[in-house]
Protein backbone atom coordinates (compact mmCIF):
# COMPACT_ATOMS: atom_id res chain seq x y z
CA MET A 1 116.80 169.94 4.87
CA TYR A 2 116.99 169.18 8.56
CA LEU A 3 118.73 172.50 9.14
CA SER A 4 116.01 174.44 7.33
CA LYS A 5 113.30 172.78 9.48
CA VAL A 6 115.18 173.82 12.59
CA ARG A 7 115.47 177.40 11.29
CA VAL A 8 111.77 177.54 10.46
CA GLY A 9 110.95 176.16 13.90
CA LEU A 10 113.16 178.73 15.59
CA LEU A 11 111.64 181.53 13.50
CA LEU A 12 108.13 180.40 14.45
CA ALA A 13 109.08 180.23 18.11
CA CYS A 14 110.57 183.74 17.97
CA ALA A 15 107.48 185.03 16.18
CA LEU A 16 105.21 183.54 18.87
CA ILE A 17 107.31 185.00 21.65
CA ALA A 18 107.45 188.40 19.98
CA GLY A 19 103.71 188.27 19.33
CA GLY A 20 103.10 187.79 23.04
CA CYS A 21 104.93 191.00 23.79
CA GLY A 22 103.11 194.22 23.56
CA ASP A 23 101.48 196.86 25.62
CA ASP A 24 100.71 195.80 29.15
CA PRO A 25 97.05 196.04 30.10
CA ALA A 26 96.03 199.08 32.05
CA PRO A 27 96.34 198.53 35.80
CA ILE A 28 93.13 197.79 37.63
CA THR A 29 92.12 200.69 39.83
CA PRO A 30 90.96 199.56 43.27
CA PRO A 31 87.46 200.66 44.20
CA ALA A 32 87.15 203.91 46.06
CA GLN A 33 87.07 203.45 49.81
CA VAL A 34 83.68 204.18 51.34
CA PRO A 35 83.96 206.97 53.93
CA SER A 36 82.86 206.17 57.46
CA ILE A 37 79.94 207.92 59.10
CA THR A 38 80.00 209.00 62.76
CA GLU A 39 76.85 209.68 64.76
CA GLU A 40 76.50 210.72 68.41
CA PHE A 41 73.63 210.13 70.80
CA THR A 42 73.41 211.52 74.32
CA GLY A 43 71.01 210.85 77.12
CA THR A 44 70.49 209.80 80.70
CA LEU A 45 70.24 206.20 81.83
CA ASN A 46 67.98 205.75 84.86
CA PRO A 47 68.23 202.81 87.28
CA PHE A 48 66.68 199.60 85.87
CA SER A 49 66.09 201.23 82.48
CA ALA A 50 67.33 201.07 78.88
CA ARG A 51 67.61 203.49 75.97
CA THR A 52 67.66 202.50 72.30
CA HIS A 53 69.08 204.59 69.45
CA SER A 54 68.56 203.62 65.80
CA PHE A 55 70.81 204.47 62.87
CA THR A 56 71.04 203.51 59.21
CA VAL A 57 74.12 201.94 57.66
CA GLN A 58 74.65 202.51 53.94
CA ASN A 59 77.16 199.71 53.32
CA ALA A 60 78.42 196.49 54.83
CA GLY A 61 81.31 196.90 57.25
CA VAL A 62 82.34 197.31 60.86
CA VAL A 63 80.01 199.10 63.26
CA SER A 64 81.63 200.50 66.42
CA VAL A 65 79.81 201.91 69.44
CA THR A 66 81.89 203.77 72.04
CA VAL A 67 80.45 204.77 75.41
CA SER A 68 81.70 207.97 77.02
CA ASP A 69 80.70 210.74 79.42
CA LEU A 70 79.52 208.26 82.07
CA ASP A 71 79.30 210.02 85.42
CA PRO A 72 80.61 208.61 87.62
CA ASP A 73 83.19 207.29 85.16
CA THR A 74 83.44 203.99 87.08
CA THR A 75 79.87 203.07 86.07
CA VAL A 76 79.44 199.67 84.39
CA ILE A 77 76.51 199.35 81.99
CA GLY A 78 75.13 196.96 79.40
CA LEU A 79 75.58 197.75 75.72
CA LEU A 80 74.38 196.00 72.59
CA ILE A 81 74.35 196.42 68.83
CA GLY A 82 71.51 194.85 66.91
CA THR A 83 69.02 195.13 64.11
CA LEU A 84 65.90 197.21 64.51
CA ASN A 85 62.95 194.87 64.09
CA GLY A 86 59.99 197.24 64.16
CA VAL A 87 60.43 198.81 67.59
CA VAL A 88 62.55 196.02 69.10
CA CYS A 89 66.35 196.11 69.03
CA GLN A 90 67.22 192.48 68.26
CA THR A 91 70.65 191.66 69.74
CA ALA A 92 73.57 190.85 67.45
CA VAL A 93 76.42 191.42 69.94
CA SER A 94 76.34 192.61 73.52
CA THR A 95 78.24 193.04 76.76
CA GLU A 96 77.09 193.62 80.30
CA GLN A 97 80.52 194.96 81.26
CA ALA A 98 80.78 198.16 79.19
CA VAL A 99 82.75 200.93 80.87
CA ASN A 100 83.57 204.56 80.14
CA LEU A 101 85.46 204.81 76.81
CA GLY A 102 84.73 201.14 76.09
CA THR A 103 83.95 200.11 72.51
CA LEU A 104 81.72 197.32 71.19
CA ASN A 105 82.15 196.20 67.56
CA ALA A 106 79.86 194.32 65.21
CA LEU A 107 79.84 193.55 61.49
CA ALA A 108 76.99 194.78 59.30
CA SER A 109 76.53 192.36 56.40
CA SER A 110 74.51 194.82 54.33
CA ALA A 111 72.80 198.21 54.40
CA GLY A 112 69.90 198.57 56.82
CA THR A 113 68.61 199.99 60.07
CA LEU A 114 70.59 198.98 63.14
CA CYS A 115 70.34 199.97 66.78
CA ALA A 116 72.50 200.57 69.82
CA ARG A 117 70.98 199.91 73.22
CA ILE A 118 72.43 201.03 76.53
CA TYR A 119 70.94 199.51 79.66
CA ASP A 120 71.32 199.05 83.40
CA ALA A 121 72.82 195.56 83.66
CA SER A 122 73.27 195.63 87.43
CA GLU A 123 71.25 193.40 89.76
CA ASN A 124 70.57 196.18 92.27
CA GLY A 125 70.11 199.04 89.81
CA LEU A 126 72.32 202.02 89.21
CA PRO A 127 72.68 204.20 92.32
CA ALA A 128 71.38 207.21 90.37
CA ALA A 129 70.66 208.45 86.86
CA VAL A 130 73.82 208.35 84.70
CA PRO A 131 74.50 210.66 81.74
CA TYR A 132 76.09 209.04 78.69
CA LYS A 133 77.20 209.62 75.12
CA LEU A 134 77.28 206.93 72.42
CA THR A 135 79.56 207.54 69.44
CA ILE A 136 78.67 205.22 66.57
CA THR A 137 80.93 204.77 63.55
CA HIS A 138 79.72 202.82 60.52
CA PHE A 139 79.74 202.76 56.72
């Protein structure tokens, strides 16, 4: 009698183990990666002035602004990334030490209209008008 209870117990255990086996669930497919968007803005920065460029991000993610084409290439300018609040570019991150080929990064928490502002951060003003290009990458 004891032996038959052990056999029944073993059979039940084997049945439970075998019942747990079966087809594995289909693997979860990771979401498609959102492609980045690159925009370019060019202009001329005059002494004691600023220029603002707005752009729209479609998704949350990193926003990068790279300054290039400064002439002379030793020029140091101010650069900020912010949110466009009507006509005002409200600062999120900034630097007053941006140089040619320098990049400033920020994190967009959602879709919306952002802005990049380039400005003369010097105390005495730029010696002359300076051409520039801003390359903005976002999602």
